[in-house]
N, C-alpha and C. Protein backbone atom coordinates (compact mmCIF):
# COMPACT_ATOMS: atom_id res chain seq x y z
N MET A 1 112.27 40.59 102.52
CA MET A 1 110.92 40.24 102.97
C MET A 1 110.36 40.38 104.35
N LYS A 2 109.57 41.20 104.44
CA LYS A 2 108.78 41.18 105.80
C LYS A 2 107.56 40.04 106.08
N PHE A 3 107.46 39.40 107.34
CA PHE A 3 106.32 38.73 107.39
C PHE A 3 105.81 38.97 108.57
N ARG A 4 104.40 38.71 108.36
CA ARG A 4 103.46 39.14 109.47
C ARG A 4 103.33 37.91 110.42
N VAL A 5 102.84 37.76 111.74
CA VAL A 5 102.70 36.79 112.60
C VAL A 5 102.31 35.54 112.16
N ASP A 6 100.98 35.92 111.39
CA ASP A 6 99.97 34.62 111.07
C ASP A 6 101.21 33.95 109.94
N GLU A 7 101.80 34.35 109.06
CA GLU A 7 102.48 34.20 107.93
C GLU A 7 103.71 33.10 108.88
N TYR A 8 104.42 33.45 109.98
CA TYR A 8 105.32 32.80 110.66
C TYR A 8 104.57 31.66 111.38
N PHE A 9 103.40 31.52 111.47
CA PHE A 9 102.40 30.74 112.19
C PHE A 9 102.11 29.52 111.04
N ARG A 10 101.51 30.07 110.00
CA ARG A 10 101.29 28.96 108.73
C ARG A 10 102.92 28.16 108.34
N ALA A 11 103.89 29.16 108.58
CA ALA A 11 105.30 28.31 107.93
C ALA A 11 105.70 27.60 108.75
N GLY A 12 105.34 27.56 110.15
CA GLY A 12 105.63 26.65 111.19
C GLY A 12 105.26 25.44 110.67
N ALA A 13 104.03 25.28 110.42
CA ALA A 13 103.02 24.02 110.10
C ALA A 13 103.70 23.46 109.04
N GLU A 14 103.76 24.22 107.97
CA GLU A 14 104.19 23.84 106.75
C GLU A 14 105.53 23.16 106.53
N ARG A 15 106.45 23.78 107.47
CA ARG A 15 107.89 23.40 107.48
C ARG A 15 107.78 21.77 108.27
N THR A 16 106.95 21.90 109.28
CA THR A 16 107.20 20.30 109.84
C THR A 16 106.56 19.52 108.64
N ARG A 17 105.61 19.66 107.76
CA ARG A 17 105.08 18.68 106.82
C ARG A 17 106.43 18.49 105.87
N GLN A 18 106.77 19.55 105.62
CA GLN A 18 107.92 19.47 104.61
C GLN A 18 109.11 18.52 104.94
N ALA A 19 109.70 18.93 106.28
CA ALA A 19 110.36 18.15 106.82
C ALA A 19 109.99 16.84 107.10
N ARG A 20 109.35 16.19 107.66
CA ARG A 20 108.80 14.85 107.74
C ARG A 20 108.70 14.07 106.25
N MET A 21 108.47 14.88 105.40
CA MET A 21 108.39 13.85 104.28
C MET A 21 110.06 13.92 103.77
N LEU A 22 110.75 14.92 103.70
CA LEU A 22 112.08 14.52 103.57
C LEU A 22 112.67 13.45 104.07
N HIS A 23 112.46 13.58 105.62
CA HIS A 23 112.81 12.31 106.52
C HIS A 23 112.53 11.17 105.86
N HIS A 24 111.15 11.26 106.09
CA HIS A 24 110.87 9.62 105.50
C HIS A 24 111.17 9.18 103.95
N ALA A 25 111.48 10.09 103.22
CA ALA A 25 112.10 9.89 101.66
C ALA A 25 113.61 9.42 101.61
N GLY A 26 113.87 9.56 103.14
CA GLY A 26 115.33 8.91 103.16
C GLY A 26 116.36 10.21 102.46
N GLY A 27 117.62 9.87 103.02
CA GLY A 27 118.87 10.70 101.83
C GLY A 27 119.10 11.88 102.07
N SER A 28 118.19 12.72 102.89
CA SER A 28 118.29 14.14 102.95
C SER A 28 117.75 14.73 104.69
N TYR A 29 118.89 13.89 105.69
CA TYR A 29 118.42 13.71 106.72
C TYR A 29 118.93 15.50 107.76
N VAL A 30 119.60 15.61 106.83
CA VAL A 30 120.68 16.94 107.12
C VAL A 30 119.44 18.32 106.85
N LEU A 31 119.09 18.16 105.72
CA LEU A 31 117.84 19.06 105.27
C LEU A 31 116.57 19.07 105.90
N ALA A 32 116.13 17.55 106.36
CA ALA A 32 115.11 17.38 107.30
C ALA A 32 115.36 17.89 108.45
N MET A 33 116.38 17.88 109.08
CA MET A 33 116.93 18.49 110.50
C MET A 33 116.84 19.98 110.60
N TYR A 34 116.93 20.52 109.46
CA TYR A 34 117.26 22.13 108.95
C TYR A 34 115.59 22.38 109.14
N GLY A 35 114.94 21.47 108.12
CA GLY A 35 113.33 22.00 108.08
C GLY A 35 112.53 22.03 109.13
N ALA A 36 113.45 20.77 110.13
CA ALA A 36 112.43 20.69 111.14
C ALA A 36 112.69 22.05 112.28
N GLY A 37 113.70 22.43 112.27
CA GLY A 37 114.50 23.46 113.23
C GLY A 37 114.16 25.07 112.67
N VAL A 38 113.93 24.90 111.03
CA VAL A 38 113.12 26.20 110.68
C VAL A 38 111.23 26.24 111.33
N ALA A 39 110.97 25.19 111.13
CA ALA A 39 109.49 25.03 111.71
C ALA A 39 109.40 25.59 113.09
N VAL A 40 109.97 24.89 114.09
CA VAL A 40 110.03 25.47 115.28
C VAL A 40 110.52 27.01 115.48
N GLU A 41 111.37 27.20 114.65
CA GLU A 41 111.56 28.79 114.83
C GLU A 41 110.47 29.47 114.30
N CYS A 42 109.91 29.10 113.53
CA CYS A 42 108.56 30.10 113.10
C CYS A 42 107.63 30.20 113.94
N ILE A 43 107.37 28.71 114.50
CA ILE A 43 106.48 28.84 115.63
C ILE A 43 106.70 29.75 116.77
N LEU A 44 107.87 29.51 117.44
CA LEU A 44 108.39 30.19 118.38
C LEU A 44 108.37 31.83 117.78
N ARG A 45 108.79 32.33 116.87
CA ARG A 45 108.66 33.53 116.00
C ARG A 45 107.25 34.30 116.41
N ALA A 46 106.28 33.34 115.73
CA ALA A 46 104.80 33.81 115.25
C ALA A 46 104.35 34.08 117.41
N PHE A 47 104.82 33.22 118.29
CA PHE A 47 104.21 34.01 119.55
C PHE A 47 105.32 35.41 120.06
N ARG A 48 106.49 34.84 119.65
CA ARG A 48 107.16 36.20 120.22
C ARG A 48 106.90 37.64 119.53
N TRP A 49 106.66 37.65 118.06
CA TRP A 49 106.23 38.62 117.44
C TRP A 49 104.79 39.05 117.82
N SER A 50 103.97 38.35 118.25
CA SER A 50 102.70 38.68 118.74
C SER A 50 102.80 39.74 119.77
N GLU A 51 103.69 39.21 120.67
CA GLU A 51 103.77 40.22 121.40
C GLU A 51 105.05 41.66 121.33
N ASP A 52 105.75 41.27 120.38
CA ASP A 52 106.96 42.50 120.42
C ASP A 52 107.53 42.26 119.18
N ALA A 53 107.21 42.96 118.17
CA ALA A 53 107.63 42.78 116.50
C ALA A 53 108.95 43.18 116.50
N SER A 54 109.36 43.88 117.54
CA SER A 54 110.72 44.36 117.57
C SER A 54 111.73 43.59 117.95
N PHE A 55 111.43 42.40 118.74
CA PHE A 55 112.55 41.23 118.79
C PHE A 55 113.22 40.60 117.47
N GLU A 56 114.44 40.57 117.25
CA GLU A 56 115.17 40.30 116.28
C GLU A 56 115.48 38.48 116.59
N GLY A 57 115.94 38.35 117.49
CA GLY A 57 116.01 36.48 117.56
C GLY A 57 117.74 36.11 116.95
N ARG A 58 117.84 36.46 115.58
CA ARG A 58 119.13 35.99 115.05
C ARG A 58 118.88 34.69 115.11
N HIS A 59 118.21 33.86 114.90
CA HIS A 59 118.34 32.25 114.61
C HIS A 59 118.69 31.62 116.00
N ASP A 60 118.70 32.02 117.00
CA ASP A 60 119.32 31.80 118.52
C ASP A 60 118.33 31.21 118.97
N SER A 61 117.84 29.70 118.72
CA SER A 61 116.64 28.90 119.08
C SER A 61 116.42 28.99 120.81
N GLU A 62 117.58 28.88 121.48
CA GLU A 62 117.41 28.99 123.05
C GLU A 62 117.03 30.28 123.31
N ASP A 63 117.58 31.44 122.94
CA ASP A 63 116.93 32.78 123.49
C ASP A 63 115.44 33.23 122.77
N LEU A 64 115.14 32.44 121.67
CA LEU A 64 113.88 32.31 120.84
C LEU A 64 112.87 31.92 121.81
N LEU A 65 113.17 30.44 122.20
CA LEU A 65 112.46 29.65 123.17
C LEU A 65 112.07 30.45 124.33
N ALA A 66 113.07 30.88 125.10
CA ALA A 66 112.85 31.91 126.14
C ALA A 66 111.99 33.00 125.74
N ALA A 67 111.90 33.66 124.62
CA ALA A 67 111.53 35.22 124.46
C ALA A 67 110.28 34.61 124.00
N SER A 68 109.65 33.64 123.43
CA SER A 68 108.33 33.22 122.96
C SER A 68 107.16 32.99 123.93
N LYS A 69 108.17 32.68 125.44
CA LYS A 69 107.24 32.42 126.23
C LYS A 69 106.11 30.88 126.09
N LEU A 70 106.68 30.28 125.53
CA LEU A 70 105.84 29.44 125.03
C LEU A 70 105.72 28.61 126.09
N LEU A 71 106.72 27.98 126.91
CA LEU A 71 106.61 27.12 128.21
C LEU A 71 105.44 27.63 129.14
N GLN A 72 105.57 28.76 129.39
CA GLN A 72 104.81 29.67 130.22
C GLN A 72 103.26 29.85 130.01
N ILE A 73 103.27 29.85 128.64
CA ILE A 73 101.79 30.08 127.78
C ILE A 73 101.33 28.54 128.12
N ASP A 74 101.98 27.38 127.84
CA ASP A 74 101.44 26.21 127.76
C ASP A 74 100.93 26.09 129.26
N GLU A 75 101.75 26.43 130.47
CA GLU A 75 101.24 26.04 132.09
C GLU A 75 100.33 27.06 131.74
N GLU A 76 99.71 28.34 131.66
CA GLU A 76 98.71 28.76 131.96
C GLU A 76 97.38 28.24 131.27
N TYR A 77 97.52 27.91 130.03
CA TYR A 77 96.63 27.18 128.99
C TYR A 77 96.11 25.73 130.13
N LEU A 78 96.97 25.16 130.56
CA LEU A 78 96.89 23.93 131.21
C LEU A 78 96.12 24.06 132.65
N ARG A 79 96.37 25.41 133.43
CA ARG A 79 95.70 25.47 134.50
C ARG A 79 94.53 26.12 134.27
N ALA A 80 94.34 26.90 132.78
CA ALA A 80 93.02 27.47 133.16
C ALA A 80 92.05 26.54 132.79
N ARG A 81 92.61 25.40 132.22
CA ARG A 81 91.46 24.45 131.70
C ARG A 81 91.67 23.17 132.78
N ARG A 82 92.03 23.81 134.57
CA ARG A 82 92.01 22.96 135.48
C ARG A 82 92.39 21.71 135.44
N ARG A 83 93.44 21.17 134.44
CA ARG A 83 94.34 20.25 134.78
C ARG A 83 95.60 20.09 136.01
N PRO A 84 95.30 18.72 136.57
CA PRO A 84 95.92 18.50 137.61
C PRO A 84 97.27 18.76 137.55
N GLU A 85 98.07 19.38 138.70
CA GLU A 85 99.53 19.83 138.42
C GLU A 85 100.22 18.65 138.25
N ARG A 86 99.91 17.52 138.54
CA ARG A 86 100.72 16.55 138.38
C ARG A 86 101.04 16.44 136.62
N GLU A 87 99.91 16.38 135.86
CA GLU A 87 99.58 16.73 134.64
C GLU A 87 100.55 17.96 133.90
N ILE A 88 100.34 18.94 134.45
CA ILE A 88 100.84 20.20 134.23
C ILE A 88 102.33 19.74 134.07
N ALA A 89 103.36 19.48 135.38
CA ALA A 89 104.45 19.34 135.11
C ALA A 89 104.51 18.24 134.17
N SER A 90 104.12 17.18 134.07
CA SER A 90 104.27 16.37 132.81
C SER A 90 104.50 16.96 131.58
N TYR A 91 103.36 17.77 131.09
CA TYR A 91 103.30 18.29 129.90
C TYR A 91 104.38 19.44 129.61
N THR A 92 104.97 19.89 130.89
CA THR A 92 105.58 20.94 131.20
C THR A 92 107.22 20.39 130.57
N ARG A 93 107.30 19.43 131.54
CA ARG A 93 108.72 18.58 131.38
C ARG A 93 108.74 18.12 129.83
N GLU A 94 107.83 17.38 129.36
CA GLU A 94 107.58 17.08 127.81
C GLU A 94 108.30 18.17 127.05
N LEU A 95 107.45 19.12 126.79
CA LEU A 95 107.78 20.33 126.12
C LEU A 95 109.21 20.76 126.46
N ARG A 96 109.37 21.13 127.53
CA ARG A 96 110.72 21.65 127.91
C ARG A 96 111.97 20.46 127.11
N THR A 97 111.73 19.51 127.38
CA THR A 97 112.82 18.47 126.83
C THR A 97 112.56 18.52 125.31
N ALA A 98 111.52 18.37 125.07
CA ALA A 98 111.60 18.71 123.23
C ALA A 98 112.09 19.71 122.70
N GLY A 99 111.96 21.06 123.22
CA GLY A 99 112.55 22.30 123.21
C GLY A 99 114.27 22.35 123.08
N SER A 100 114.70 21.43 124.37
CA SER A 100 115.81 21.33 124.63
C SER A 100 116.62 20.40 123.44
N GLU A 101 116.11 19.66 122.79
CA GLU A 101 116.37 18.93 121.97
C GLU A 101 116.79 19.53 120.63
N VAL A 102 115.75 20.21 120.26
CA VAL A 102 115.74 21.15 119.11
C VAL A 102 116.68 22.04 119.23
N VAL A 103 117.18 23.14 120.54
CA VAL A 103 117.88 23.93 120.86
C VAL A 103 119.12 23.03 120.65
N SER A 104 119.74 21.99 121.08
CA SER A 104 120.81 21.35 120.77
C SER A 104 121.24 20.45 119.18
N LEU A 105 120.26 20.47 118.72
CA LEU A 105 120.51 19.82 117.28
C LEU A 105 120.36 20.51 116.27
N TRP A 106 119.46 21.83 116.42
CA TRP A 106 119.38 22.89 115.23
C TRP A 106 120.16 24.02 115.45
N HIS A 107 120.91 24.34 114.11
CA HIS A 107 121.47 25.81 113.78
C HIS A 107 121.41 26.17 112.69
N ASN A 108 120.91 27.37 112.58
CA ASN A 108 120.93 27.91 110.92
C ASN A 108 121.74 27.63 110.26
N ASN A 109 122.99 27.15 110.51
CA ASN A 109 123.90 26.87 109.39
C ASN A 109 124.04 25.54 109.05
N LEU A 110 122.88 24.88 109.60
CA LEU A 110 122.89 23.44 108.95
C LEU A 110 122.52 23.40 107.38
N SER A 111 121.72 24.36 106.88
CA SER A 111 121.36 24.42 105.73
C SER A 111 122.74 24.76 104.48
N PHE A 112 123.94 25.11 105.12
CA PHE A 112 125.11 24.76 104.36
C PHE A 112 126.03 23.61 104.59
N CYS A 113 125.37 22.75 105.79
CA CYS A 113 126.24 21.51 106.22
C CYS A 113 126.14 20.60 105.19
N PRO A 114 127.10 19.80 104.73
CA PRO A 114 127.42 18.37 104.09
C PRO A 114 127.19 17.18 105.51
N GLU A 115 126.61 16.31 104.85
CA GLU A 115 126.41 15.15 105.99
C GLU A 115 127.76 14.63 106.91
N THR A 116 128.83 14.48 106.04
CA THR A 116 129.93 14.73 106.76
C THR A 116 130.18 15.26 108.00
N SER A 117 130.28 16.69 107.53
CA SER A 117 130.12 17.70 108.73
C SER A 117 129.14 17.46 109.94
N LEU A 118 127.93 17.08 109.59
CA LEU A 118 126.90 16.94 110.41
C LEU A 118 127.14 15.87 111.49
N ARG A 119 127.56 14.41 110.68
CA ARG A 119 128.26 13.75 111.39
C ARG A 119 129.17 13.69 112.31
N ALA A 120 130.37 14.77 112.23
CA ALA A 120 131.56 14.73 112.52
C ALA A 120 131.07 15.52 113.80
N HIS A 121 130.00 16.71 113.64
CA HIS A 121 129.42 17.55 114.74
C HIS A 121 128.93 16.72 115.49
N LEU A 122 127.96 15.90 115.11
CA LEU A 122 126.99 14.87 116.29
C LEU A 122 128.01 13.84 117.17
N ASN A 123 129.28 13.44 116.39
CA ASN A 123 130.12 13.12 117.29
C ASN A 123 130.80 13.59 118.32
N ARG A 124 131.06 14.89 118.07
CA ARG A 124 131.62 15.76 119.03
C ARG A 124 130.57 16.10 119.94
N MET A 125 129.18 15.97 119.85
CA MET A 125 128.45 16.26 120.94
C MET A 125 128.03 14.80 121.39
N ASP A 126 128.91 13.68 121.39
CA ASP A 126 128.71 12.46 121.87
C ASP A 126 126.96 11.76 121.42
N ARG A 127 126.41 12.28 120.14
CA ARG A 127 125.21 11.54 119.94
C ARG A 127 125.40 10.48 118.83
N MET A 128 126.22 9.90 118.72
CA MET A 128 126.85 8.78 117.73
C MET A 128 126.85 7.38 118.51
N ARG A 129 127.13 7.85 119.88
CA ARG A 129 127.86 6.47 120.56
C ARG A 129 126.44 5.64 120.66
N GLY A 130 126.65 4.52 120.39
CA GLY A 130 125.69 2.93 121.01
C GLY A 130 124.49 2.91 119.97
N ILE A 131 124.72 4.08 118.74
CA ILE A 131 123.27 3.85 117.68
C ILE A 131 124.00 2.91 116.78
N ARG A 132 123.41 1.78 116.47
CA ARG A 132 122.99 0.68 115.38
C ARG A 132 122.57 1.27 114.11
N GLY A 133 123.24 1.36 113.15
CA GLY A 133 122.76 2.02 111.98
C GLY A 133 123.20 3.28 111.60
N ASP A 134 122.25 4.01 110.86
CA ASP A 134 122.63 5.47 110.44
C ASP A 134 122.31 6.16 111.65
N ALA A 135 123.48 6.74 112.16
CA ALA A 135 123.30 7.62 113.36
C ALA A 135 122.63 9.00 112.90
N VAL A 136 123.19 9.60 111.67
CA VAL A 136 122.36 11.05 111.12
C VAL A 136 120.84 10.68 111.01
N LYS A 137 120.52 9.52 110.79
CA LYS A 137 119.02 9.40 110.34
C LYS A 137 118.38 9.29 111.88
N LYS A 138 118.95 8.60 112.69
CA LYS A 138 118.65 8.59 114.05
C LYS A 138 118.37 9.75 114.82
N ASN A 139 119.72 10.74 114.78
CA ASN A 139 119.25 12.04 115.24
C ASN A 139 118.10 12.84 114.67
N SER A 140 117.89 12.54 113.18
CA SER A 140 117.03 13.22 112.25
C SER A 140 115.85 12.96 112.61
N ARG A 141 115.49 11.59 113.36
CA ARG A 141 114.51 10.94 113.86
C ARG A 141 113.97 11.77 114.98
N GLY A 142 115.23 11.88 115.80
CA GLY A 142 114.66 12.64 117.03
C GLY A 142 114.31 14.21 117.15
N MET A 143 114.95 14.50 116.21
CA MET A 143 115.07 16.05 115.97
C MET A 143 113.58 16.26 115.45
N MET A 144 113.16 15.27 114.62
CA MET A 144 111.84 15.69 113.86
C MET A 144 110.52 15.29 114.99
N GLU A 145 110.86 14.49 116.14
CA GLU A 145 109.95 14.21 117.19
C GLU A 145 109.65 15.28 117.79
N ALA A 146 110.86 15.76 118.24
CA ALA A 146 110.82 17.16 119.17
C ALA A 146 110.49 18.17 118.52
N ALA A 147 110.41 18.26 117.15
CA ALA A 147 110.38 19.67 116.51
C ALA A 147 108.33 18.93 116.41
N GLN A 148 107.98 18.14 116.41
CA GLN A 148 106.90 17.76 115.96
C GLN A 148 105.87 18.35 117.17
N LEU A 149 106.55 17.91 118.21
CA LEU A 149 105.77 18.19 120.01
C LEU A 149 105.85 19.35 119.89
N VAL A 150 106.79 20.26 119.59
CA VAL A 150 107.08 21.84 120.03
C VAL A 150 105.85 22.62 118.86
N VAL A 151 105.97 22.14 117.45
CA VAL A 151 104.92 22.55 116.73
C VAL A 151 103.36 22.33 117.19
N ASP A 152 103.18 21.31 117.54
CA ASP A 152 102.01 20.83 117.64
C ASP A 152 101.25 21.46 118.60
N ARG A 153 101.88 21.62 120.02
CA ARG A 153 101.58 22.43 121.15
C ARG A 153 101.41 23.82 120.85
N GLY A 154 102.36 24.45 119.96
CA GLY A 154 102.39 25.60 119.54
C GLY A 154 101.23 26.22 118.67
N ILE A 155 100.68 25.06 117.97
CA ILE A 155 99.52 25.23 117.03
C ILE A 155 98.12 25.19 118.19
N THR A 156 98.29 24.35 119.14
CA THR A 156 96.78 24.33 119.89
C THR A 156 97.21 25.67 120.99
N LEU A 157 98.07 25.59 121.37
CA LEU A 157 98.07 27.19 122.25
C LEU A 157 97.79 28.49 121.20
N TRP A 158 98.10 28.50 119.65
CA TRP A 158 97.90 29.58 118.87
C TRP A 158 96.60 29.38 118.79
N ASN A 159 95.94 28.40 118.68
CA ASN A 159 94.07 28.29 117.82
C ASN A 159 93.47 28.28 119.43
N SER A 160 93.76 28.12 120.42
CA SER A 160 93.30 28.63 121.69
C SER A 160 93.13 30.19 122.18
N ARG A 161 94.31 30.93 121.48
CA ARG A 161 94.07 32.38 121.62
C ARG A 161 93.21 32.86 120.82
N LYS A 162 92.83 32.16 119.91
CA LYS A 162 92.26 32.98 118.69
C LYS A 162 90.76 32.75 119.02
N LYS A 163 90.39 31.73 120.00
CA LYS A 163 89.04 31.94 120.38
C LYS A 163 88.40 32.63 121.45
């Protein structure tokens, strides 16, 4: 199937809602994390493809984040609205941190990953230390929050371009 730019954009918003539902329902944290990552990938693809549809990306969220120019677009958007530099720096840092969280936790192969394997992967990443309770749930929550921030900023920026 081939998708148009606006379909990637709409899918990003849909996948965010679906991932959040899975997370809140409990027990499907791996799938929630996968869905949250797909949501971010959709938003980033929408921005990237709006400039150059020849870019492939291959599910590399780090490359796609850079190629989407979302961070630069966000800074330009804030500057155009004459926001103070301190506020721009804060928003940029927040978006960059959220993007880094998604990049570090999301892999396309999460769709094939049993929870025990994700747990072992998170342990190797040192993301289990000091967590009371379900560490997969905690990491899923962090992924959901980061993805939501990226998607929300993407939606704001996307809609501002349409005006």
